[in-house]
Amino acid sequence: MAAMPLVPQTTEPVAGQGGFPPFATNTFPSQIFWLGITFTLLLVFVWTVVVPRIGGTIAMRKRRIAEELAKAEEDRREAEATWSTYQSAIIEARQRARALIEETRTHVRADVERAEKAADLQADEAIAQAEARLAALRAQAREHIRRAAADAAQSIVRRLIGETVSPEEAAAAVAAVQIP
């Protein structure tokens, strides 16, 4: 048995059988002609309609991206300016707070010193008044002691010798003795 080829050797339709028209060699020239016209029309359509639309869309997107980048850069600059303003305000507030604290400390120290001086003056006055009262009381006590001593001297002299001594003589005798 001879081997039969599975694929026919010619592209011509076998009698009684229909072939696939695009593979028919007798229709190649008309197929190429219409392929050229279709490709040309498609190329013209793409070149005049699709490419400008895509180019416009790309240009619009580029423009929008550029605008958004510019806006983002402007927002970044504004944020940096706001941040620096915020930081400077914080620094200024801290400096003012430190100045107020130092001023308050100075005032408090001055008030404390004034209060201490006033208290010292009051204490000195109270001490001076107390010392004056003590001196007056000592003077009164000495006077009472002198009188008591003079009275005691008069009584002692009257009992011992039976004579009466005048109060002035008794006072002079007591004055002659040093009483601390």
N, C-alpha and C. Protein backbone atom coordinates (compact mmCIF):
# COMPACT_ATOMS: atom_id res chain seq x y z
N MET A 1 0.81 -1.15 0.00
CA MET A 1 0.00 0.00 0.00
C MET A 1 0.86 1.22 0.00
N ALA A 2 0.41 2.06 -0.78
CA ALA A 2 1.16 3.30 -0.90
C ALA A 2 0.61 4.29 0.09
N ALA A 3 1.51 5.08 0.64
CA ALA A 3 1.09 6.06 1.65
C ALA A 3 0.45 7.23 0.97
N MET A 4 -0.65 7.61 1.48
CA MET A 4 -1.37 8.73 0.90
C MET A 4 -1.11 9.97 1.74
N PRO A 5 -0.84 11.01 1.01
CA PRO A 5 -0.58 12.24 1.78
C PRO A 5 -1.87 12.75 2.42
N LEU A 6 -1.75 13.28 3.63
CA LEU A 6 -2.91 13.79 4.35
C LEU A 6 -3.31 15.17 3.87
N VAL A 7 -2.35 15.95 3.40
CA VAL A 7 -2.63 17.31 2.96
C VAL A 7 -2.61 17.30 1.44
N PRO A 8 -3.62 17.91 0.80
CA PRO A 8 -3.62 17.92 -0.66
C PRO A 8 -2.46 18.77 -1.18
N GLN A 9 -1.94 18.44 -2.32
CA GLN A 9 -0.79 19.10 -2.88
C GLN A 9 -1.14 20.41 -3.55
N THR A 10 -2.32 20.63 -3.93
CA THR A 10 -2.69 21.87 -4.61
C THR A 10 -3.65 22.64 -3.73
N THR A 11 -3.70 23.93 -4.04
CA THR A 11 -4.62 24.77 -3.31
C THR A 11 -5.88 24.98 -4.11
N GLU A 12 -5.96 24.37 -5.23
CA GLU A 12 -7.14 24.48 -6.06
C GLU A 12 -8.22 23.62 -5.44
N PRO A 13 -9.45 24.13 -5.44
CA PRO A 13 -10.50 23.33 -4.86
C PRO A 13 -10.69 22.05 -5.68
N VAL A 14 -10.85 21.04 -4.96
CA VAL A 14 -11.08 19.74 -5.59
C VAL A 14 -12.52 19.75 -6.07
N ALA A 15 -12.73 19.18 -7.16
CA ALA A 15 -14.06 19.18 -7.74
C ALA A 15 -15.02 18.56 -6.77
N GLY A 16 -16.06 19.29 -6.52
CA GLY A 16 -17.08 18.79 -5.63
C GLY A 16 -16.82 19.17 -4.19
N GLN A 17 -15.66 19.75 -3.90
CA GLN A 17 -15.35 20.18 -2.54
C GLN A 17 -15.15 21.69 -2.55
N GLY A 18 -15.62 22.38 -1.52
CA GLY A 18 -15.38 23.83 -1.39
C GLY A 18 -14.10 24.03 -0.61
N GLY A 19 -13.31 25.04 -0.93
CA GLY A 19 -12.09 25.33 -0.20
C GLY A 19 -12.27 26.59 0.64
N PHE A 20 -11.28 26.89 1.41
CA PHE A 20 -11.31 28.09 2.24
C PHE A 20 -10.89 29.24 1.36
N PRO A 21 -11.83 30.22 1.10
CA PRO A 21 -11.55 31.25 0.09
C PRO A 21 -10.30 32.08 0.35
N PRO A 22 -9.94 32.43 1.56
CA PRO A 22 -8.72 33.23 1.70
C PRO A 22 -7.46 32.50 1.24
N PHE A 23 -7.51 31.18 1.19
CA PHE A 23 -6.33 30.45 0.76
C PHE A 23 -6.35 30.13 -0.74
N ALA A 24 -7.36 30.60 -1.37
CA ALA A 24 -7.44 30.35 -2.81
C ALA A 24 -6.50 31.32 -3.51
N THR A 25 -5.55 30.81 -4.26
CA THR A 25 -4.53 31.65 -4.89
C THR A 25 -5.08 32.53 -5.98
N ASN A 26 -6.14 32.20 -6.57
CA ASN A 26 -6.70 33.02 -7.64
C ASN A 26 -7.35 34.29 -7.08
N THR A 27 -7.62 34.36 -5.72
CA THR A 27 -8.22 35.56 -5.13
C THR A 27 -7.20 36.42 -4.37
N PHE A 28 -5.91 36.04 -4.44
CA PHE A 28 -4.89 36.81 -3.71
C PHE A 28 -4.81 38.26 -4.15
N PRO A 29 -4.80 38.61 -5.40
CA PRO A 29 -4.67 40.03 -5.77
C PRO A 29 -5.81 40.88 -5.22
N SER A 30 -7.03 40.41 -5.27
CA SER A 30 -8.15 41.22 -4.75
C SER A 30 -8.08 41.30 -3.23
N GLN A 31 -7.62 40.23 -2.61
CA GLN A 31 -7.47 40.26 -1.15
C GLN A 31 -6.42 41.27 -0.73
N ILE A 32 -5.31 41.30 -1.44
CA ILE A 32 -4.24 42.25 -1.11
C ILE A 32 -4.73 43.67 -1.35
N PHE A 33 -5.45 43.91 -2.44
CA PHE A 33 -5.99 45.24 -2.74
C PHE A 33 -6.90 45.71 -1.61
N TRP A 34 -7.84 44.90 -1.20
CA TRP A 34 -8.76 45.30 -0.13
C TRP A 34 -8.05 45.39 1.23
N LEU A 35 -7.05 44.54 1.42
CA LEU A 35 -6.26 44.65 2.64
C LEU A 35 -5.56 46.01 2.68
N GLY A 36 -5.00 46.45 1.59
CA GLY A 36 -4.32 47.76 1.51
C GLY A 36 -5.30 48.90 1.76
N ILE A 37 -6.49 48.84 1.13
CA ILE A 37 -7.48 49.89 1.31
C ILE A 37 -7.95 49.91 2.76
N THR A 38 -8.23 48.76 3.33
CA THR A 38 -8.70 48.68 4.72
C THR A 38 -7.62 49.17 5.67
N PHE A 39 -6.35 48.73 5.43
CA PHE A 39 -5.26 49.17 6.28
C PHE A 39 -5.08 50.68 6.19
N THR A 40 -5.17 51.20 4.96
CA THR A 40 -5.02 52.65 4.77
C THR A 40 -6.13 53.40 5.47
N LEU A 41 -7.37 52.97 5.31
CA LEU A 41 -8.49 53.62 5.99
C LEU A 41 -8.35 53.53 7.51
N LEU A 42 -7.95 52.36 7.97
CA LEU A 42 -7.75 52.19 9.40
C LEU A 42 -6.62 53.08 9.91
N LEU A 43 -5.54 53.15 9.15
CA LEU A 43 -4.41 54.01 9.51
C LEU A 43 -4.82 55.47 9.51
N VAL A 44 -5.58 55.90 8.52
CA VAL A 44 -6.06 57.29 8.47
C VAL A 44 -6.99 57.55 9.65
N PHE A 45 -7.88 56.63 9.95
CA PHE A 45 -8.79 56.80 11.08
C PHE A 45 -8.00 56.91 12.39
N VAL A 46 -7.08 55.99 12.60
CA VAL A 46 -6.28 56.01 13.83
C VAL A 46 -5.47 57.31 13.90
N TRP A 47 -4.85 57.69 12.76
CA TRP A 47 -4.00 58.89 12.73
C TRP A 47 -4.79 60.17 12.96
N THR A 48 -6.01 60.26 12.41
CA THR A 48 -6.79 61.50 12.52
C THR A 48 -7.71 61.55 13.73
N VAL A 49 -8.17 60.41 14.22
CA VAL A 49 -9.14 60.42 15.31
C VAL A 49 -8.53 59.91 16.62
N VAL A 50 -7.98 58.73 16.59
CA VAL A 50 -7.55 58.08 17.82
C VAL A 50 -6.28 58.73 18.39
N VAL A 51 -5.27 58.96 17.56
CA VAL A 51 -4.02 59.52 18.05
C VAL A 51 -4.23 60.91 18.66
N PRO A 52 -4.99 61.84 18.02
CA PRO A 52 -5.20 63.13 18.68
C PRO A 52 -5.95 63.00 20.01
N ARG A 53 -6.90 62.10 20.05
CA ARG A 53 -7.62 61.91 21.32
C ARG A 53 -6.68 61.38 22.40
N ILE A 54 -5.89 60.38 22.07
CA ILE A 54 -4.93 59.83 23.03
C ILE A 54 -3.91 60.90 23.40
N GLY A 55 -3.42 61.64 22.39
CA GLY A 55 -2.47 62.72 22.67
C GLY A 55 -3.09 63.79 23.55
N GLY A 56 -4.36 64.14 23.28
CA GLY A 56 -5.06 65.13 24.12
C GLY A 56 -5.24 64.62 25.54
N THR A 57 -5.59 63.35 25.64
CA THR A 57 -5.76 62.76 26.97
C THR A 57 -4.43 62.75 27.71
N ILE A 58 -3.36 62.36 27.02
CA ILE A 58 -2.03 62.34 27.65
C ILE A 58 -1.61 63.75 28.04
N ALA A 59 -1.83 64.71 27.12
CA ALA A 59 -1.47 66.10 27.43
C ALA A 59 -2.28 66.62 28.61
N MET A 60 -3.59 66.29 28.62
CA MET A 60 -4.44 66.72 29.73
C MET A 60 -3.96 66.08 31.04
N ARG A 61 -3.60 64.84 31.00
CA ARG A 61 -3.11 64.16 32.22
C ARG A 61 -1.77 64.76 32.66
N LYS A 62 -0.89 65.03 31.68
CA LYS A 62 0.38 65.66 32.03
C LYS A 62 0.15 67.03 32.66
N ARG A 63 -0.77 67.80 32.06
CA ARG A 63 -1.08 69.12 32.59
C ARG A 63 -1.68 69.01 33.99
N ARG A 64 -2.60 68.08 34.19
CA ARG A 64 -3.22 67.88 35.49
C ARG A 64 -2.17 67.43 36.52
N ILE A 65 -1.30 66.52 36.12
CA ILE A 65 -0.24 66.07 37.02
C ILE A 65 0.68 67.24 37.38
N ALA A 66 1.04 68.04 36.37
CA ALA A 66 1.91 69.20 36.62
C ALA A 66 1.21 70.19 37.56
N GLU A 67 -0.09 70.43 37.33
CA GLU A 67 -0.84 71.34 38.20
C GLU A 67 -0.91 70.78 39.63
N GLU A 68 -1.18 69.50 39.75
CA GLU A 68 -1.26 68.89 41.07
C GLU A 68 0.10 68.90 41.77
N LEU A 69 1.17 68.67 41.00
CA LEU A 69 2.51 68.75 41.59
C LEU A 69 2.81 70.18 42.04
N ALA A 70 2.42 71.16 41.21
CA ALA A 70 2.64 72.56 41.59
C ALA A 70 1.83 72.90 42.83
N LYS A 71 0.56 72.44 42.86
CA LYS A 71 -0.27 72.69 44.04
C LYS A 71 0.30 71.99 45.26
N ALA A 72 0.78 70.77 45.10
CA ALA A 72 1.38 70.04 46.22
C ALA A 72 2.63 70.77 46.72
N GLU A 73 3.44 71.29 45.78
CA GLU A 73 4.63 72.05 46.18
C GLU A 73 4.23 73.32 46.92
N GLU A 74 3.20 73.99 46.42
CA GLU A 74 2.71 75.20 47.10
C GLU A 74 2.16 74.86 48.49
N ASP A 75 1.41 73.76 48.57
CA ASP A 75 0.90 73.32 49.87
C ASP A 75 2.04 72.97 50.82
N ARG A 76 3.09 72.33 50.28
CA ARG A 76 4.25 71.99 51.10
C ARG A 76 4.92 73.26 51.62
N ARG A 77 5.08 74.26 50.74
CA ARG A 77 5.68 75.52 51.17
C ARG A 77 4.82 76.20 52.23
N GLU A 78 3.49 76.19 52.01
CA GLU A 78 2.59 76.78 53.00
C GLU A 78 2.68 76.03 54.33
N ALA A 79 2.74 74.71 54.25
CA ALA A 79 2.86 73.90 55.47
C ALA A 79 4.18 74.21 56.19
N GLU A 80 5.27 74.33 55.42
CA GLU A 80 6.55 74.67 56.04
C GLU A 80 6.50 76.06 56.66
N ALA A 81 5.87 77.01 55.95
CA ALA A 81 5.74 78.37 56.50
C ALA A 81 4.89 78.35 57.76
N THR A 82 3.79 77.62 57.71
CA THR A 82 2.93 77.51 58.89
C THR A 82 3.68 76.84 60.03
N TRP A 83 4.43 75.80 59.71
CA TRP A 83 5.20 75.09 60.73
C TRP A 83 6.24 76.03 61.35
N SER A 84 6.94 76.78 60.51
CA SER A 84 7.96 77.69 61.06
C SER A 84 7.30 78.80 61.87
N THR A 85 6.13 79.28 61.42
CA THR A 85 5.40 80.28 62.20
C THR A 85 4.97 79.68 63.53
N TYR A 86 4.49 78.46 63.49
CA TYR A 86 4.07 77.75 64.71
C TYR A 86 5.26 77.59 65.66
N GLN A 87 6.38 77.13 65.10
CA GLN A 87 7.58 76.94 65.92
C GLN A 87 8.05 78.26 66.52
N SER A 88 8.06 79.33 65.70
CA SER A 88 8.51 80.62 66.22
C SER A 88 7.54 81.12 67.29
N ALA A 89 6.24 80.87 67.10
CA ALA A 89 5.26 81.27 68.12
C ALA A 89 5.50 80.50 69.41
N ILE A 90 5.80 79.22 69.30
CA ILE A 90 6.07 78.41 70.48
C ILE A 90 7.33 78.91 71.18
N ILE A 91 8.37 79.18 70.39
CA ILE A 91 9.63 79.67 70.97
C ILE A 91 9.39 81.01 71.65
N GLU A 92 8.65 81.88 70.97
CA GLU A 92 8.36 83.19 71.56
C GLU A 92 7.54 83.05 72.84
N ALA A 93 6.56 82.15 72.83
CA ALA A 93 5.74 81.93 74.03
C ALA A 93 6.60 81.38 75.17
N ARG A 94 7.51 80.47 74.85
CA ARG A 94 8.39 79.94 75.88
C ARG A 94 9.29 81.03 76.45
N GLN A 95 9.80 81.89 75.56
CA GLN A 95 10.65 82.99 76.04
C GLN A 95 9.84 83.94 76.92
N ARG A 96 8.61 84.25 76.48
CA ARG A 96 7.76 85.12 77.31
C ARG A 96 7.47 84.46 78.65
N ALA A 97 7.20 83.16 78.62
CA ALA A 97 6.91 82.44 79.88
C ALA A 97 8.13 82.47 80.79
N ARG A 98 9.32 82.25 80.21
CA ARG A 98 10.54 82.31 81.03
C ARG A 98 10.73 83.72 81.60
N ALA A 99 10.49 84.73 80.75
CA ALA A 99 10.63 86.11 81.23
C ALA A 99 9.62 86.40 82.35
N LEU A 100 8.38 85.92 82.16
CA LEU A 100 7.36 86.12 83.21
C LEU A 100 7.74 85.38 84.48
N ILE A 101 8.26 84.18 84.33
CA ILE A 101 8.68 83.41 85.51
C ILE A 101 9.80 84.15 86.23
N GLU A 102 10.77 84.63 85.46
CA GLU A 102 11.89 85.35 86.07
C GLU A 102 11.40 86.65 86.73
N GLU A 103 10.49 87.34 86.04
CA GLU A 103 9.93 88.58 86.60
C GLU A 103 9.16 88.27 87.89
N THR A 104 8.38 87.20 87.86
CA THR A 104 7.62 86.80 89.04
C THR A 104 8.57 86.43 90.18
N ARG A 105 9.64 85.70 89.85
CA ARG A 105 10.63 85.36 90.88
C ARG A 105 11.23 86.62 91.48
N THR A 106 11.55 87.58 90.61
CA THR A 106 12.13 88.83 91.09
C THR A 106 11.16 89.55 92.01
N HIS A 107 9.89 89.62 91.58
CA HIS A 107 8.87 90.28 92.41
C HIS A 107 8.68 89.53 93.74
N VAL A 108 8.65 88.22 93.66
CA VAL A 108 8.46 87.43 94.89
C VAL A 108 9.65 87.63 95.82
N ARG A 109 10.88 87.61 95.23
CA ARG A 109 12.06 87.85 96.07
C ARG A 109 11.99 89.24 96.72
N ALA A 110 11.60 90.24 95.90
CA ALA A 110 11.49 91.59 96.44
C ALA A 110 10.43 91.65 97.53
N ASP A 111 9.28 90.99 97.28
CA ASP A 111 8.22 90.96 98.30
C ASP A 111 8.70 90.26 99.57
N VAL A 112 9.43 89.16 99.40
CA VAL A 112 9.93 88.42 100.56
C VAL A 112 10.94 89.29 101.32
N GLU A 113 11.82 89.95 100.56
CA GLU A 113 12.80 90.81 101.22
C GLU A 113 12.10 91.95 101.96
N ARG A 114 11.09 92.55 101.30
CA ARG A 114 10.33 93.62 101.96
C ARG A 114 9.64 93.09 103.21
N ALA A 115 9.03 91.92 103.09
CA ALA A 115 8.35 91.32 104.24
C ALA A 115 9.35 91.01 105.35
N GLU A 116 10.52 90.49 104.96
CA GLU A 116 11.55 90.21 105.97
C GLU A 116 12.00 91.50 106.65
N LYS A 117 12.22 92.54 105.83
CA LYS A 117 12.64 93.82 106.41
C LYS A 117 11.56 94.37 107.32
N ALA A 118 10.31 94.31 106.87
CA ALA A 118 9.20 94.79 107.69
C ALA A 118 9.12 93.97 108.99
N ALA A 119 9.27 92.65 108.85
CA ALA A 119 9.22 91.79 110.03
C ALA A 119 10.40 92.10 110.95
N ASP A 120 11.58 92.31 110.35
CA ASP A 120 12.75 92.67 111.16
C ASP A 120 12.52 94.00 111.87
N LEU A 121 11.95 94.99 111.12
CA LEU A 121 11.67 96.28 111.74
C LEU A 121 10.65 96.13 112.87
N GLN A 122 9.60 95.34 112.61
CA GLN A 122 8.60 95.13 113.66
C GLN A 122 9.23 94.40 114.85
N ALA A 123 10.07 93.42 114.56
CA ALA A 123 10.73 92.69 115.64
C ALA A 123 11.67 93.62 116.40
N ASP A 124 12.42 94.45 115.66
CA ASP A 124 13.32 95.40 116.32
C ASP A 124 12.53 96.38 117.18
N GLU A 125 11.39 96.87 116.62
CA GLU A 125 10.54 97.79 117.39
C GLU A 125 9.99 97.10 118.63
N ALA A 126 9.53 95.85 118.43
CA ALA A 126 8.98 95.10 119.57
C ALA A 126 10.06 94.86 120.61
N ILE A 127 11.28 94.52 120.14
CA ILE A 127 12.39 94.30 121.07
C ILE A 127 12.73 95.60 121.80
N ALA A 128 12.77 96.70 121.02
CA ALA A 128 13.07 98.00 121.63
C ALA A 128 12.02 98.37 122.66
N GLN A 129 10.73 98.14 122.31
CA GLN A 129 9.66 98.45 123.24
C GLN A 129 9.76 97.54 124.47
N ALA A 130 10.07 96.26 124.24
CA ALA A 130 10.19 95.32 125.36
C ALA A 130 11.37 95.71 126.25
N GLU A 131 12.48 96.07 125.59
CA GLU A 131 13.64 96.50 126.38
C GLU A 131 13.33 97.78 127.16
N ALA A 132 12.59 98.71 126.52
CA ALA A 132 12.21 99.95 127.22
C ALA A 132 11.31 99.62 128.40
N ARG A 133 10.34 98.70 128.18
CA ARG A 133 9.48 98.30 129.30
C ARG A 133 10.27 97.62 130.40
N LEU A 134 11.22 96.75 129.95
CA LEU A 134 12.06 96.08 130.94
C LEU A 134 12.91 97.11 131.72
N ALA A 135 13.45 98.09 130.99
CA ALA A 135 14.24 99.12 131.66
C ALA A 135 13.36 99.90 132.63
N ALA A 136 12.12 100.22 132.19
CA ALA A 136 11.21 100.95 133.08
C ALA A 136 10.85 100.10 134.28
N LEU A 137 10.59 98.80 134.02
CA LEU A 137 10.26 97.90 135.12
C LEU A 137 11.46 97.75 136.07
N ARG A 138 12.67 97.67 135.51
CA ARG A 138 13.86 97.58 136.35
C ARG A 138 14.01 98.85 137.20
N ALA A 139 13.79 100.00 136.52
CA ALA A 139 13.88 101.27 137.26
C ALA A 139 12.83 101.31 138.35
N GLN A 140 11.60 100.87 138.03
CA GLN A 140 10.54 100.83 139.05
C GLN A 140 10.92 99.86 140.16
N ALA A 141 11.47 98.70 139.75
CA ALA A 141 11.86 97.70 140.74
C ALA A 141 12.96 98.25 141.63
N ARG A 142 13.93 98.94 141.04
CA ARG A 142 15.01 99.53 141.85
C ARG A 142 14.43 100.58 142.82
N GLU A 143 13.51 101.36 142.28
CA GLU A 143 12.88 102.39 143.14
C GLU A 143 12.11 101.73 144.27
N HIS A 144 11.38 100.67 143.95
CA HIS A 144 10.64 99.95 144.99
C HIS A 144 11.61 99.34 146.00
N ILE A 145 12.71 98.81 145.45
CA ILE A 145 13.71 98.21 146.35
C ILE A 145 14.33 99.30 147.24
N ARG A 146 14.63 100.45 146.68
CA ARG A 146 15.20 101.55 147.47
C ARG A 146 14.21 101.98 148.57
N ARG A 147 12.96 102.12 148.15
CA ARG A 147 11.94 102.51 149.15
C ARG A 147 11.83 101.45 150.24
N ALA A 148 11.80 100.18 149.78
CA ALA A 148 11.69 99.09 150.75
C ALA A 148 12.93 99.06 151.63
N ALA A 149 14.09 99.31 151.02
CA ALA A 149 15.33 99.32 151.80
C ALA A 149 15.33 100.49 152.78
N ALA A 150 14.83 101.66 152.31
CA ALA A 150 14.77 102.83 153.21
C ALA A 150 13.81 102.55 154.33
N ASP A 151 12.64 101.96 154.04
CA ASP A 151 11.67 101.62 155.08
C ASP A 151 12.28 100.58 156.03
N ALA A 152 12.96 99.61 155.46
CA ALA A 152 13.58 98.57 156.29
C ALA A 152 14.66 99.19 157.17
N ALA A 153 15.44 100.15 156.62
CA ALA A 153 16.50 100.81 157.40
C ALA A 153 15.89 101.59 158.55
N GLN A 154 14.78 102.29 158.29
CA GLN A 154 14.11 103.05 159.37
C GLN A 154 13.63 102.08 160.44
N SER A 155 13.07 100.97 160.04
CA SER A 155 12.56 100.00 161.01
C SER A 155 13.69 99.38 161.79
N ILE A 156 14.77 99.06 161.11
CA ILE A 156 15.90 98.42 161.79
C ILE A 156 16.52 99.39 162.80
N VAL A 157 16.72 100.63 162.40
CA VAL A 157 17.32 101.62 163.30
C VAL A 157 16.39 101.83 164.49
N ARG A 158 15.12 101.92 164.30
CA ARG A 158 14.19 102.12 165.40
C ARG A 158 14.23 100.93 166.33
N ARG A 159 14.37 99.75 165.89
CA ARG A 159 14.36 98.57 166.75
C ARG A 159 15.69 98.40 167.44
N LEU A 160 16.75 98.67 166.67
CA LEU A 160 18.06 98.43 167.28
C LEU A 160 18.43 99.54 168.29
N ILE A 161 18.32 100.72 167.90
CA ILE A 161 18.74 101.80 168.79
C ILE A 161 17.55 102.59 169.32
N GLY A 162 16.47 102.42 168.84
CA GLY A 162 15.29 103.08 169.35
C GLY A 162 15.14 104.51 168.85
N GLU A 163 15.98 104.95 167.99
CA GLU A 163 15.85 106.31 167.45
C GLU A 163 15.06 106.27 166.16
N THR A 164 14.49 107.43 165.88
CA THR A 164 13.72 107.54 164.65
C THR A 164 14.58 108.24 163.61
N VAL A 165 14.66 107.66 162.45
CA VAL A 165 15.42 108.23 161.32
C VAL A 165 14.39 108.75 160.33
N SER A 166 14.70 109.93 159.77
CA SER A 166 13.77 110.51 158.80
C SER A 166 13.84 109.73 157.48
N PRO A 167 12.78 109.79 156.72
CA PRO A 167 12.78 109.06 155.45
C PRO A 167 13.88 109.56 154.51
N GLU A 168 14.24 110.84 154.53
CA GLU A 168 15.28 111.35 153.66
C GLU A 168 16.64 110.80 154.06
N GLU A 169 16.89 110.71 155.38
CA GLU A 169 18.16 110.17 155.87
C GLU A 169 18.26 108.68 155.50
N ALA A 170 17.18 107.95 155.62
CA ALA A 170 17.17 106.55 155.27
C ALA A 170 17.40 106.38 153.77
N ALA A 171 16.79 107.25 152.95
CA ALA A 171 16.96 107.19 151.50
C ALA A 171 18.39 107.52 151.15
N ALA A 172 19.03 108.50 151.80
CA ALA A 172 20.41 108.87 151.54
C ALA A 172 21.33 107.73 151.92
N ALA A 173 21.05 107.03 153.02
CA ALA A 173 21.89 105.91 153.43
C ALA A 173 21.78 104.76 152.44
N VAL A 174 20.56 104.49 151.93
CA VAL A 174 20.36 103.42 150.94
C VAL A 174 21.03 103.82 149.63
N ALA A 175 21.01 105.10 149.24
CA ALA A 175 21.62 105.57 148.00
C ALA A 175 23.13 105.43 148.08
N ALA A 176 23.69 105.55 149.27
CA ALA A 176 25.12 105.44 149.44
C ALA A 176 25.58 104.00 149.18
N VAL A 177 24.72 103.05 149.37
CA VAL A 177 25.05 101.65 149.10
C VAL A 177 24.72 101.38 147.63
N GLN A 178 25.63 100.73 146.89
CA GLN A 178 25.44 100.43 145.46
C GLN A 178 24.50 99.22 145.29
N ILE A 179 23.39 99.48 144.65
CA ILE A 179 22.45 98.39 144.33
C ILE A 179 22.60 98.10 142.82
N PRO A 180 22.88 96.90 142.51
CA PRO A 180 23.08 96.58 141.08
C PRO A 180 21.83 96.72 140.26
